[in-house]
Amino acid sequence: MNGPAPVAVVGPTGTGKSELALDLAERLGGEVVNCDAMQQYRGMDIGTAKLPLDQRRGIPHHRLDVLDVTDTASVADFRDEAEREIAGIRDRGNVPILCGGSMMYVQALVDGWSIPDTDPEVRARYERRLEEIGVAALHAELARVDPEAARAILPTDPRRTVRALEVVELTGRPFSASRPTIGEPRFGTRLIGLRCALPELDDRLAARTATMFADGLVEEVQGLVDVGLLDGVTARRAIGYAQVLDEMDDALRIDDEGRARAEERTFIGTRRYVRRQRSWFGRDHRIHWIDTDTRDRADDAPRPLEVALRILGEGTR
């Protein structure tokens, strides 16, 4: 694969990855490749903080709006499709800007993580088991067959618990055994991470969640139910969407108290997810970190773009 090396912008939710990706794409002559699992779904816009078309500055974006809510998102499928997108961008002489916080998606792409494709029968069996006994009990089953994977996956995370059990059954090995060794990034990718002190980041997440509900997340979920959200395996469990669905009655109505509970639980779920992102990305020694804190920041402090360009140095293109 020839052409300019990719730049990956990674890190926890709420740190400003999308803006930096746009800035870098403008400066370097790049195209953005989405690495957020849930932004692949058509119609899941508000709850995923997907950039509207009119805010993309005319920069091409790839791997957005490529799945229906009834489709199951797959790391392996994403990796294969994103590799093709990257090859096309490089062939055009442009810089692929990989942007997202879905940890497994980023690592699958940068390190060539080879994960077995989903087996519909095996997946369906564990989905039924999940419905029968609940996520905590299913997570306990994972702990018995793969303790390391269970330690890395929250007992409140049904999607990853099911997937880990599926991989263990399909491969006969622990889920953790399929993780790649962190080595030289594929395609010569340079990794830039954004981070923020937790007190400020928590405030950002609270404001972000409130804005999503004010902008119509509940109505977005109601509209997606009409096109099959309840039949989806992956999409319906996205943070925000799952919490709204839990509070809706059979007629898809939600009262003020239910809305408030959904908003609070969405914030809590996002905050937990951010802790996992910090832990996962924090183990990757290849990432060059940029602090995005704004509190007590000097007026003349360099913007993230300036710091990123210094990190990349000469010869990015």
C-alpha atoms as a PDB file:
ATOM      1  CA  MET A   1       0.000   0.000   0.000  1.00  0.00           C
ATOM      2  CA  ASN A   2       1.576   3.271  -1.126  1.00  0.00           C
ATOM      3  CA  GLY A   3       0.808   6.913  -0.418  1.00  0.00           C
ATOM      4  CA  PRO A   4       0.847   9.144   2.672  1.00  0.00           C
ATOM      5  CA  ALA A   5       0.845   7.421   6.044  1.00  0.00           C
ATOM      6  CA  PRO A   6      -2.351   7.665   8.106  1.00  0.00           C
ATOM      7  CA  VAL A   7      -2.743   9.739  11.245  1.00  0.00           C
ATOM      8  CA  ALA A   8      -5.003   8.327  13.981  1.00  0.00           C
ATOM      9  CA  VAL A   9      -6.787  10.671  16.395  1.00  0.00           C
ATOM     10  CA  VAL A  10      -7.915   8.608  19.375  1.00  0.00           C
ATOM     11  CA  GLY A  11      -8.902   8.989  23.004  1.00  0.00           C
ATOM     12  CA  PRO A  12     -11.917   9.120  25.293  1.00  0.00           C
ATOM     13  CA  THR A  13     -15.326  10.488  24.385  1.00  0.00           C
ATOM     14  CA  GLY A  14     -15.668  14.240  24.821  1.00  0.00           C
ATOM     15  CA  THR A  15     -12.042  15.242  24.298  1.00  0.00           C
ATOM     16  CA  GLY A  16     -12.443  16.918  20.892  1.00  0.00           C
ATOM     17  CA  LYS A  17     -11.320  14.241  18.444  1.00  0.00           C
ATOM     18  CA  SER A  18     -13.689  15.252  15.636  1.00  0.00           C
ATOM     19  CA  GLU A  19     -12.525  18.866  15.624  1.00  0.00           C
ATOM     20  CA  LEU A  20      -8.840  17.933  15.596  1.00  0.00           C
ATOM     21  CA  ALA A  21      -9.453  15.407  12.814  1.00  0.00           C
ATOM     22  CA  LEU A  22     -11.072  18.135  10.705  1.00  0.00           C
ATOM     23  CA  ASP A  23      -8.244  20.563  11.456  1.00  0.00           C
ATOM     24  CA  LEU A  24      -5.620  17.997  10.480  1.00  0.00           C
ATOM     25  CA  ALA A  25      -7.494  17.017   7.331  1.00  0.00           C
ATOM     26  CA  GLU A  26      -7.653  20.663   6.262  1.00  0.00           C
ATOM     27  CA  ARG A  27      -3.980  21.289   6.992  1.00  0.00           C
ATOM     28  CA  LEU A  28      -2.564  18.046   5.600  1.00  0.00           C
ATOM     29  CA  GLY A  29      -4.944  17.387   2.731  1.00  0.00           C
ATOM     30  CA  GLY A  30      -6.736  14.481   4.314  1.00  0.00           C
ATOM     31  CA  GLU A  31      -9.931  12.459   4.382  1.00  0.00           C
ATOM     32  CA  VAL A  32     -11.512  11.228   7.610  1.00  0.00           C
ATOM     33  CA  VAL A  33     -12.129   7.536   8.308  1.00  0.00           C
ATOM     34  CA  ASN A  34     -14.618   7.031  11.135  1.00  0.00           C
ATOM     35  CA  CYS A  35     -13.512   4.587  13.847  1.00  0.00           C
ATOM     36  CA  ASP A  36     -16.615   4.893  16.027  1.00  0.00           C
ATOM     37  CA  ALA A  37     -18.718   1.735  15.909  1.00  0.00           C
ATOM     38  CA  MET A  38     -22.092   3.383  16.446  1.00  0.00           C
ATOM     39  CA  GLN A  39     -21.568   6.233  13.986  1.00  0.00           C
ATOM     40  CA  GLN A  40     -21.705   3.605  11.256  1.00  0.00           C
ATOM     41  CA  TYR A  41     -25.486   3.404  11.721  1.00  0.00           C
ATOM     42  CA  ARG A  42     -27.811   5.446   9.553  1.00  0.00           C
ATOM     43  CA  GLY A  43     -30.141   7.605  11.616  1.00  0.00           C
ATOM     44  CA  MET A  44     -28.137   7.308  14.830  1.00  0.00           C
ATOM     45  CA  ASP A  45     -26.961  10.889  14.769  1.00  0.00           C
ATOM     46  CA  ILE A  46     -27.809  12.760  17.965  1.00  0.00           C
ATOM     47  CA  GLY A  47     -26.900  10.005  20.401  1.00  0.00           C
ATOM     48  CA  THR A  48     -23.555   9.292  18.720  1.00  0.00           C
ATOM     49  CA  ALA A  49     -22.586  12.965  18.326  1.00  0.00           C
ATOM     50  CA  LYS A  50     -22.137  12.362  14.607  1.00  0.00           C
ATOM     51  CA  LEU A  51     -20.962  15.491  12.798  1.00  0.00           C
ATOM     52  CA  PRO A  52     -23.746  16.845  10.554  1.00  0.00           C
ATOM     53  CA  LEU A  53     -22.835  17.123   6.892  1.00  0.00           C
ATOM     54  CA  ASP A  54     -22.776  20.925   7.011  1.00  0.00           C
ATOM     55  CA  GLN A  55     -20.139  20.824   9.773  1.00  0.00           C
ATOM     56  CA  ARG A  56     -17.694  18.567   7.940  1.00  0.00           C
ATOM     57  CA  ARG A  57     -16.065  21.511   6.100  1.00  0.00           C
ATOM     58  CA  GLY A  58     -16.379  19.736   2.775  1.00  0.00           C
ATOM     59  CA  ILE A  59     -13.923  17.062   3.893  1.00  0.00           C
ATOM     60  CA  PRO A  60     -14.769  13.519   2.740  1.00  0.00           C
ATOM     61  CA  HIS A  61     -15.788  11.192   5.573  1.00  0.00           C
ATOM     62  CA  HIS A  62     -15.761   7.408   5.274  1.00  0.00           C
ATOM     63  CA  ARG A  63     -17.447   4.639   7.307  1.00  0.00           C
ATOM     64  CA  LEU A  64     -20.320   6.874   8.397  1.00  0.00           C
ATOM     65  CA  ASP A  65     -23.950   5.851   7.750  1.00  0.00           C
ATOM     66  CA  VAL A  66     -23.043   2.502   6.205  1.00  0.00           C
ATOM     67  CA  LEU A  67     -25.241   0.191   8.316  1.00  0.00           C
ATOM     68  CA  ASP A  68     -28.956  -0.152   8.990  1.00  0.00           C
ATOM     69  CA  VAL A  69     -29.964  -0.402  12.642  1.00  0.00           C
ATOM     70  CA  THR A  70     -30.943  -4.023  12.013  1.00  0.00           C
ATOM     71  CA  ASP A  71     -27.371  -4.885  10.954  1.00  0.00           C
ATOM     72  CA  THR A  72     -24.867  -6.290  13.432  1.00  0.00           C
ATOM     73  CA  ALA A  73     -21.650  -4.290  13.627  1.00  0.00           C
ATOM     74  CA  SER A  74     -18.542  -6.447  13.295  1.00  0.00           C
ATOM     75  CA  VAL A  75     -14.955  -5.515  14.089  1.00  0.00           C
ATOM     76  CA  ALA A  76     -13.736  -7.818  11.323  1.00  0.00           C
ATOM     77  CA  ASP A  77     -16.052  -6.260   8.735  1.00  0.00           C
ATOM     78  CA  PHE A  78     -15.025  -2.774   9.822  1.00  0.00           C
ATOM     79  CA  ARG A  79     -11.336  -3.623   9.557  1.00  0.00           C
ATOM     80  CA  ASP A  80     -11.691  -5.019   6.040  1.00  0.00           C
ATOM     81  CA  GLU A  81     -13.827  -2.128   4.771  1.00  0.00           C
ATOM     82  CA  ALA A  82     -11.695   0.542   6.444  1.00  0.00           C
ATOM     83  CA  GLU A  83      -8.536  -0.939   4.933  1.00  0.00           C
ATOM     84  CA  ARG A  84     -10.079  -0.520   1.486  1.00  0.00           C
ATOM     85  CA  GLU A  85     -11.010   3.080   2.291  1.00  0.00           C
ATOM     86  CA  ILE A  86      -7.474   3.809   3.488  1.00  0.00           C
ATOM     87  CA  ALA A  87      -5.981   2.326   0.321  1.00  0.00           C
ATOM     88  CA  GLY A  88      -8.220   4.506  -1.837  1.00  0.00           C
ATOM     89  CA  ILE A  89      -7.373   7.661   0.108  1.00  0.00           C
ATOM     90  CA  ARG A  90      -3.643   6.989  -0.158  1.00  0.00           C
ATOM     91  CA  ASP A  91      -3.937   6.215  -3.869  1.00  0.00           C
ATOM     92  CA  ARG A  92      -5.478   9.683  -4.280  1.00  0.00           C
ATOM     93  CA  GLY A  93      -2.424  11.169  -2.573  1.00  0.00           C
ATOM     94  CA  ASN A  94      -4.376  12.211   0.515  1.00  0.00           C
ATOM     95  CA  VAL A  95      -3.745  11.522   4.196  1.00  0.00           C
ATOM     96  CA  PRO A  96      -6.151   9.111   5.915  1.00  0.00           C
ATOM     97  CA  ILE A  97      -7.209  10.671   9.227  1.00  0.00           C
ATOM     98  CA  LEU A  98      -8.516   7.849  11.413  1.00  0.00           C
ATOM     99  CA  CYS A  99     -10.838   9.267  14.057  1.00  0.00           C
ATOM    100  CA  GLY A 100     -12.710   7.533  16.845  1.00  0.00           C
ATOM    101  CA  GLY A 101     -12.775   6.107  20.328  1.00  0.00           C
ATOM    102  CA  SER A 102     -13.982   2.536  19.729  1.00  0.00           C
ATOM    103  CA  MET A 103     -10.980   0.777  21.172  1.00  0.00           C
ATOM    104  CA  MET A 104     -11.228  -2.556  19.379  1.00  0.00           C
ATOM    105  CA  TYR A 105     -11.950  -0.865  16.045  1.00  0.00           C
ATOM    106  CA  VAL A 106      -8.843   1.285  16.279  1.00  0.00           C
ATOM    107  CA  GLN A 107      -6.615  -1.592  17.309  1.00  0.00           C
ATOM    108  CA  ALA A 108      -8.047  -3.944  14.698  1.00  0.00           C
ATOM    109  CA  LEU A 109      -7.104  -1.427  12.039  1.00  0.00           C
ATOM    110  CA  VAL A 110      -3.736  -0.278  13.363  1.00  0.00           C
ATOM    111  CA  ASP A 111      -2.500  -3.690  14.518  1.00  0.00           C
ATOM    112  CA  GLY A 112      -4.352  -6.052  12.184  1.00  0.00           C
ATOM    113  CA  TRP A 113      -6.382  -7.695  14.914  1.00  0.00           C
ATOM    114  CA  SER A 114      -7.745 -10.899  13.408  1.00  0.00           C
ATOM    115  CA  ILE A 115     -11.062 -11.639  15.106  1.00  0.00           C
ATOM    116  CA  PRO A 116     -13.317 -14.465  13.922  1.00  0.00           C
ATOM    117  CA  ASP A 117     -16.402 -13.417  12.008  1.00  0.00           C
ATOM    118  CA  THR A 118     -19.669 -13.665  13.882  1.00  0.00           C
ATOM    119  CA  ASP A 119     -21.361 -17.052  13.745  1.00  0.00           C
ATOM    120  CA  PRO A 120     -25.105 -16.296  13.663  1.00  0.00           C
ATOM    121  CA  GLU A 121     -26.105 -19.531  15.396  1.00  0.00           C
ATOM    122  CA  VAL A 122     -23.565 -19.214  18.201  1.00  0.00           C
ATOM    123  CA  ARG A 123     -24.320 -15.523  18.634  1.00  0.00           C
ATOM    124  CA  ALA A 124     -28.078 -16.183  18.749  1.00  0.00           C
ATOM    125  CA  ARG A 125     -27.610 -18.845  21.393  1.00  0.00           C
ATOM    126  CA  TYR A 126     -25.711 -16.471  23.675  1.00  0.00           C
ATOM    127  CA  GLU A 127     -28.233 -13.723  22.975  1.00  0.00           C
ATOM    128  CA  ARG A 128     -30.996 -16.060  24.145  1.00  0.00           C
ATOM    129  CA  ARG A 129     -28.930 -16.953  27.184  1.00  0.00           C
ATOM    130  CA  LEU A 130     -28.534 -13.269  27.921  1.00  0.00           C
ATOM    131  CA  GLU A 131     -32.288 -12.752  27.799  1.00  0.00           C
ATOM    132  CA  GLU A 132     -32.843 -15.732  30.085  1.00  0.00           C
ATOM    133  CA  ILE A 133     -30.321 -15.076  32.854  1.00  0.00           C
ATOM    134  CA  GLY A 134     -29.266 -11.431  32.460  1.00  0.00           C
ATOM    135  CA  VAL A 135     -25.919  -9.800  31.817  1.00  0.00           C
ATOM    136  CA  ALA A 136     -24.467 -10.268  35.326  1.00  0.00           C
ATOM    137  CA  ALA A 137     -24.972 -14.037  35.285  1.00  0.00           C
ATOM    138  CA  LEU A 138     -23.699 -14.305  31.708  1.00  0.00           C
ATOM    139  CA  HIS A 139     -20.629 -12.301  32.691  1.00  0.00           C
ATOM    140  CA  ALA A 140     -20.061 -14.792  35.523  1.00  0.00           C
ATOM    141  CA  GLU A 141     -20.076 -17.572  32.920  1.00  0.00           C
ATOM    142  CA  LEU A 142     -17.430 -15.669  30.967  1.00  0.00           C
ATOM    143  CA  ALA A 143     -15.347 -15.356  34.135  1.00  0.00           C
ATOM    144  CA  ARG A 144     -15.316 -19.136  34.456  1.00  0.00           C
ATOM    145  CA  VAL A 145     -14.031 -19.770  30.922  1.00  0.00           C
ATOM    146  CA  ASP A 146     -11.894 -16.642  30.422  1.00  0.00           C
ATOM    147  CA  PRO A 147     -11.079 -14.772  33.656  1.00  0.00           C
ATOM    148  CA  GLU A 148      -8.820 -12.251  31.917  1.00  0.00           C
ATOM    149  CA  ALA A 149     -11.522 -11.220  29.451  1.00  0.00           C
ATOM    150  CA  ALA A 150     -14.038 -10.948  32.290  1.00  0.00           C
ATOM    151  CA  ARG A 151     -11.725  -8.592  34.162  1.00  0.00           C
ATOM    152  CA  ALA A 152     -11.456  -6.379  31.078  1.00  0.00           C
ATOM    153  CA  ILE A 153     -15.208  -6.301  30.357  1.00  0.00           C
ATOM    154  CA  LEU A 154     -17.669  -4.639  32.691  1.00  0.00           C
ATOM    155  CA  PRO A 155     -20.357  -6.959  34.114  1.00  0.00           C
ATOM    156  CA  THR A 156     -22.894  -4.425  32.814  1.00  0.00           C
ATOM    157  CA  ASP A 157     -21.711  -4.705  29.186  1.00  0.00           C
ATOM    158  CA  PRO A 158     -23.906  -7.303  27.432  1.00  0.00           C
ATOM    159  CA  ARG A 159     -22.551  -6.748  23.917  1.00  0.00           C
ATOM    160  CA  ARG A 160     -18.894  -7.382  24.738  1.00  0.00           C
ATOM    161  CA  THR A 161     -19.754 -10.230  27.115  1.00  0.00           C
ATOM    162  CA  VAL A 162     -21.689 -12.045  24.388  1.00  0.00           C
ATOM    163  CA  ARG A 163     -18.943 -11.428  21.839  1.00  0.00           C
ATOM    164  CA  ALA A 164     -16.207 -12.704  24.147  1.00  0.00           C
ATOM    165  CA  LEU A 165     -18.114 -15.920  24.841  1.00  0.00           C
ATOM    166  CA  GLU A 166     -18.747 -16.341  21.132  1.00  0.00           C
ATOM    167  CA  VAL A 167     -15.045 -15.967  20.281  1.00  0.00           C
ATOM    168  CA  VAL A 168     -14.025 -18.389  23.034  1.00  0.00           C
ATOM    169  CA  GLU A 169     -16.395 -21.013  21.630  1.00  0.00           C
ATOM    170  CA  LEU A 170     -15.390 -20.448  18.005  1.00  0.00           C
ATOM    171  CA  THR A 171     -11.628 -20.465  18.582  1.00  0.00           C
ATOM    172  CA  GLY A 172     -11.277 -22.732  21.598  1.00  0.00           C
ATOM    173  CA  ARG A 173      -8.954 -20.105  23.061  1.00  0.00           C
ATOM    174  CA  PRO A 174      -9.413 -17.242  25.509  1.00  0.00           C
ATOM    175  CA  PHE A 175     -10.774 -14.064  23.942  1.00  0.00           C
ATOM    176  CA  SER A 176      -7.705 -12.233  25.216  1.00  0.00           C
ATOM    177  CA  ALA A 177      -5.466 -14.561  23.181  1.00  0.00           C
ATOM    178  CA  SER A 178      -6.752 -12.998  19.966  1.00  0.00           C
ATOM    179  CA  ARG A 179      -5.523  -9.532  20.921  1.00  0.00           C
ATOM    180  CA  PRO A 180      -2.522  -8.442  18.857  1.00  0.00           C
ATOM    181  CA  THR A 181       0.824  -7.464  20.257  1.00  0.00           C
ATOM    182  CA  ILE A 182       1.339  -3.712  20.262  1.00  0.00           C
ATOM    183  CA  GLY A 183       4.181  -3.223  17.820  1.00  0.00           C
ATOM    184  CA  GLU A 184       4.936  -1.154  14.754  1.00  0.00           C
ATOM    185  CA  PRO A 185       1.619   0.348  13.574  1.00  0.00           C
ATOM    186  CA  ARG A 186       0.383  -0.854  10.215  1.00  0.00           C
ATOM    187  CA  PHE A 187       0.636   1.531   7.257  1.00  0.00           C
ATOM    188  CA  GLY A 188       3.143   3.628   9.262  1.00  0.00           C
ATOM    189  CA  THR A 189       0.232   5.141  11.201  1.00  0.00           C
ATOM    190  CA  ARG A 190       1.060   7.915  13.673  1.00  0.00           C
ATOM    191  CA  LEU A 191      -1.168   7.919  16.737  1.00  0.00           C
ATOM    192  CA  ILE A 192      -2.250  11.105  18.483  1.00  0.00           C
ATOM    193  CA  GLY A 193      -4.360  10.878  21.626  1.00  0.00           C
ATOM    194  CA  LEU A 194      -6.497  13.545  23.261  1.00  0.00           C
ATOM    195  CA  ARG A 195      -7.076  13.497  27.004  1.00  0.00           C
ATOM    196  CA  CYS A 196      -8.600  15.703  29.662  1.00  0.00           C
ATOM    197  CA  ALA A 197      -8.552  15.738  33.460  1.00  0.00           C
ATOM    198  CA  LEU A 198     -11.500  13.752  34.795  1.00  0.00           C
ATOM    199  CA  PRO A 199     -13.300  16.551  36.698  1.00  0.00           C
ATOM    200  CA  GLU A 200     -13.470  18.724  33.583  1.00  0.00           C
ATOM    201  CA  LEU A 201     -14.234  15.762  31.331  1.00  0.00           C
ATOM    202  CA  ASP A 202     -17.125  14.694  33.564  1.00  0.00           C
ATOM    203  CA  ASP A 203     -18.572  18.199  33.275  1.00  0.00           C
ATOM    204  CA  ARG A 204     -18.232  18.012  29.497  1.00  0.00           C
ATOM    205  CA  LEU A 205     -19.978  14.642  29.436  1.00  0.00           C
ATOM    206  CA  ALA A 206     -22.850  15.939  31.560  1.00  0.00           C
ATOM    207  CA  ALA A 207     -23.305  18.930  29.247  1.00  0.00           C
ATOM    208  CA  ARG A 208     -22.998  16.705  26.179  1.00  0.00           C
ATOM    209  CA  THR A 209     -25.668  14.330  27.492  1.00  0.00           C
ATOM    210  CA  ALA A 210     -28.048  17.171  28.371  1.00  0.00           C
ATOM    211  CA  THR A 211     -27.609  18.632  24.887  1.00  0.00           C
ATOM    212  CA  MET A 212     -28.396  15.290  23.247  1.00  0.00           C
ATOM    213  CA  PHE A 213     -31.693  14.992  25.089  1.00  0.00           C
ATOM    214  CA  ALA A 214     -32.545  18.647  24.450  1.00  0.00           C
ATOM    215  CA  ASP A 215     -31.777  18.169  20.745  1.00  0.00           C
ATOM    216  CA  GLY A 216     -34.197  15.259  20.394  1.00  0.00           C
ATOM    217  CA  LEU A 217     -32.521  11.972  21.308  1.00  0.00           C
ATOM    218  CA  VAL A 218     -35.817  10.533  22.562  1.00  0.00           C
ATOM    219  CA  GLU A 219     -37.542  11.430  19.299  1.00  0.00           C
ATOM    220  CA  GLU A 220     -34.625   9.991  17.328  1.00  0.00           C
ATOM    221  CA  VAL A 221     -34.986   6.686  19.172  1.00  0.00           C
ATOM    222  CA  GLN A 222     -38.740   6.639  18.541  1.00  0.00           C
ATOM    223  CA  GLY A 223     -38.137   7.150  14.827  1.00  0.00           C
ATOM    224  CA  LEU A 224     -35.517   4.397  14.712  1.00  0.00           C
ATOM    225  CA  VAL A 225     -37.905   1.921  16.314  1.00  0.00           C
ATOM    226  CA  ASP A 226     -40.061   2.380  13.216  1.00  0.00           C
ATOM    227  CA  VAL A 227     -37.188   1.157  11.021  1.00  0.00           C
ATOM    228  CA  GLY A 228     -36.242  -1.842  13.145  1.00  0.00           C
ATOM    229  CA  LEU A 229     -34.112  -0.660  16.074  1.00  0.00           C
ATOM    230  CA  LEU A 230     -35.690  -3.214  18.407  1.00  0.00           C
ATOM    231  CA  ASP A 231     -34.708  -5.981  15.986  1.00  0.00           C
ATOM    232  CA  GLY A 232     -31.060  -4.928  15.942  1.00  0.00           C
ATOM    233  CA  VAL A 233     -28.459  -6.642  18.097  1.00  0.00           C
ATOM    234  CA  THR A 234     -25.751  -3.997  18.264  1.00  0.00           C
ATOM    235  CA  ALA A 235     -27.486  -0.682  17.607  1.00  0.00           C
ATOM    236  CA  ARG A 236     -30.162  -1.004  20.287  1.00  0.00           C
ATOM    237  CA  ARG A 237     -27.462  -1.381  22.954  1.00  0.00           C
ATOM    238  CA  ALA A 238     -25.647   1.849  22.126  1.00  0.00           C
ATOM    239  CA  ILE A 239     -25.237   4.183  25.089  1.00  0.00           C
ATOM    240  CA  GLY A 240     -28.171   6.573  25.177  1.00  0.00           C
ATOM    241  CA  TYR A 241     -30.367   4.494  22.901  1.00  0.00           C
ATOM    242  CA  ALA A 242     -30.534   1.568  25.327  1.00  0.00           C
ATOM    243  CA  GLN A 243     -31.358   3.856  28.244  1.00  0.00           C
ATOM    244  CA  VAL A 244     -34.175   5.589  26.349  1.00  0.00           C
ATOM    245  CA  LEU A 245     -35.625   2.260  25.207  1.00  0.00           C
ATOM    246  CA  ASP A 246     -35.606   0.989  28.791  1.00  0.00           C
ATOM    247  CA  GLU A 247     -37.795   3.911  29.905  1.00  0.00           C
ATOM    248  CA  MET A 248     -40.342   3.730  27.077  1.00  0.00           C
ATOM    249  CA  ASP A 249     -43.701   2.050  27.500  1.00  0.00           C
ATOM    250  CA  ASP A 250     -45.233  -0.297  24.937  1.00  0.00           C
ATOM    251  CA  ALA A 251     -46.549   2.690  22.973  1.00  0.00           C
ATOM    252  CA  LEU A 252     -43.020   4.177  22.850  1.00  0.00           C
ATOM    253  CA  ARG A 253     -44.034   6.979  25.193  1.00  0.00           C
ATOM    254  CA  ILE A 254     -41.769   8.314  27.907  1.00  0.00           C
ATOM    255  CA  ASP A 255     -42.818  10.652  30.712  1.00  0.00           C
ATOM    256  CA  ASP A 256     -40.722  13.410  32.262  1.00  0.00           C
ATOM    257  CA  GLU A 257     -39.479  11.197  35.075  1.00  0.00           C
ATOM    258  CA  GLY A 258     -38.506   8.490  32.622  1.00  0.00           C
ATOM    259  CA  ARG A 259     -36.718  11.024  30.454  1.00  0.00           C
ATOM    260  CA  ALA A 260     -34.767  12.285  33.465  1.00  0.00           C
ATOM    261  CA  ARG A 261     -33.799   8.745  34.457  1.00  0.00           C
ATOM    262  CA  ALA A 262     -32.698   7.957  30.900  1.00  0.00           C
ATOM    263  CA  GLU A 263     -30.555  11.084  30.793  1.00  0.00           C
ATOM    264  CA  GLU A 264     -28.908  10.309  34.132  1.00  0.00           C
ATOM    265  CA  ARG A 265     -28.255   6.691  33.173  1.00  0.00           C
ATOM    266  CA  THR A 266     -26.851   7.779  29.805  1.00  0.00           C
ATOM    267  CA  PHE A 267     -24.410  10.087  31.576  1.00  0.00           C
ATOM    268  CA  ILE A 268     -23.381   7.316  33.973  1.00  0.00           C
ATOM    269  CA  GLY A 269     -22.943   4.842  31.110  1.00  0.00           C
ATOM    270  CA  THR A 270     -20.855   7.329  29.139  1.00  0.00           C
ATOM    271  CA  ARG A 271     -18.691   8.086  32.145  1.00  0.00           C
ATOM    272  CA  ARG A 272     -18.021   4.370  32.689  1.00  0.00           C
ATOM    273  CA  TYR A 273     -17.179   3.938  29.019  1.00  0.00           C
ATOM    274  CA  VAL A 274     -14.724   6.840  29.212  1.00  0.00           C
ATOM    275  CA  ARG A 275     -12.904   5.121  32.091  1.00  0.00           C
ATOM    276  CA  ARG A 276     -12.498   2.022  29.928  1.00  0.00           C
ATOM    277  CA  GLN A 277     -11.239   4.119  27.016  1.00  0.00           C
ATOM    278  CA  ARG A 278      -8.671   5.821  29.250  1.00  0.00           C
ATOM    279  CA  SER A 279      -7.434   2.470  30.512  1.00  0.00           C
ATOM    280  CA  TRP A 280      -7.276   0.854  27.056  1.00  0.00           C
ATOM    281  CA  PHE A 281      -5.584   3.686  25.198  1.00  0.00           C
ATOM    282  CA  GLY A 282      -3.354   4.420  28.193  1.00  0.00           C
ATOM    283  CA  ARG A 283      -1.629   1.065  27.689  1.00  0.00           C
ATOM    284  CA  ASP A 284      -0.543   1.987  24.154  1.00  0.00           C
ATOM    285  CA  HIS A 285       2.952   3.474  24.388  1.00  0.00           C
ATOM    286  CA  ARG A 286       2.840   4.578  20.733  1.00  0.00           C
ATOM    287  CA  ILE A 287       0.245   7.284  21.364  1.00  0.00           C
ATOM    288  CA  HIS A 288       1.469  10.880  21.588  1.00  0.00           C
ATOM    289  CA  TRP A 289      -0.846  12.580  24.081  1.00  0.00           C
ATOM    290  CA  ILE A 290      -2.247  16.102  23.923  1.00  0.00           C
ATOM    291  CA  ASP A 291      -3.995  17.613  26.939  1.00  0.00           C
ATOM    292  CA  THR A 292      -7.241  19.401  26.073  1.00  0.00           C
ATOM    293  CA  ASP A 293      -8.027  20.823  29.513  1.00  0.00           C
ATOM    294  CA  THR A 294      -9.284  24.400  29.363  1.00  0.00           C
ATOM    295  CA  ARG A 295      -9.356  25.197  33.084  1.00  0.00           C
ATOM    296  CA  ASP A 296      -6.352  27.160  34.317  1.00  0.00           C
ATOM    297  CA  ARG A 297      -4.977  27.101  30.799  1.00  0.00           C
ATOM    298  CA  ALA A 298      -2.738  29.967  29.777  1.00  0.00           C
ATOM    299  CA  ASP A 299      -4.109  32.263  27.074  1.00  0.00           C
ATOM    300  CA  ASP A 300      -1.038  31.649  24.937  1.00  0.00           C
ATOM    301  CA  ALA A 301      -1.136  27.853  25.300  1.00  0.00           C
ATOM    302  CA  PRO A 302      -0.879  26.124  21.901  1.00  0.00           C
ATOM    303  CA  ARG A 303      -4.044  24.723  20.353  1.00  0.00           C
ATOM    304  CA  PRO A 304      -4.289  20.944  19.867  1.00  0.00           C
ATOM    305  CA  LEU A 305      -3.669  21.372  16.121  1.00  0.00           C
ATOM    306  CA  GLU A 306      -0.388  23.176  16.758  1.00  0.00           C
ATOM    307  CA  VAL A 307       0.771  20.473  19.152  1.00  0.00           C
ATOM    308  CA  ALA A 308      -0.313  17.721  16.757  1.00  0.00           C
ATOM    309  CA  LEU A 309       1.613  19.262  13.873  1.00  0.00           C
ATOM    310  CA  ARG A 310       4.715  19.458  16.048  1.00  0.00           C
ATOM    311  CA  ILE A 311       4.314  15.789  16.936  1.00  0.00           C
ATOM    312  CA  LEU A 312       3.943  14.811  13.296  1.00  0.00           C
ATOM    313  CA  GLY A 313       6.879  16.954  12.236  1.00  0.00           C
ATOM    314  CA  GLU A 314       8.036  17.219   8.670  1.00  0.00           C
ATOM    315  CA  GLY A 315       7.354  14.629   6.029  1.00  0.00           C
ATOM    316  CA  THR A 316       3.764  13.781   7.002  1.00  0.00           C
ATOM    317  CA  ARG A 317       2.869  14.084   3.352  1.00  0.00           C
END
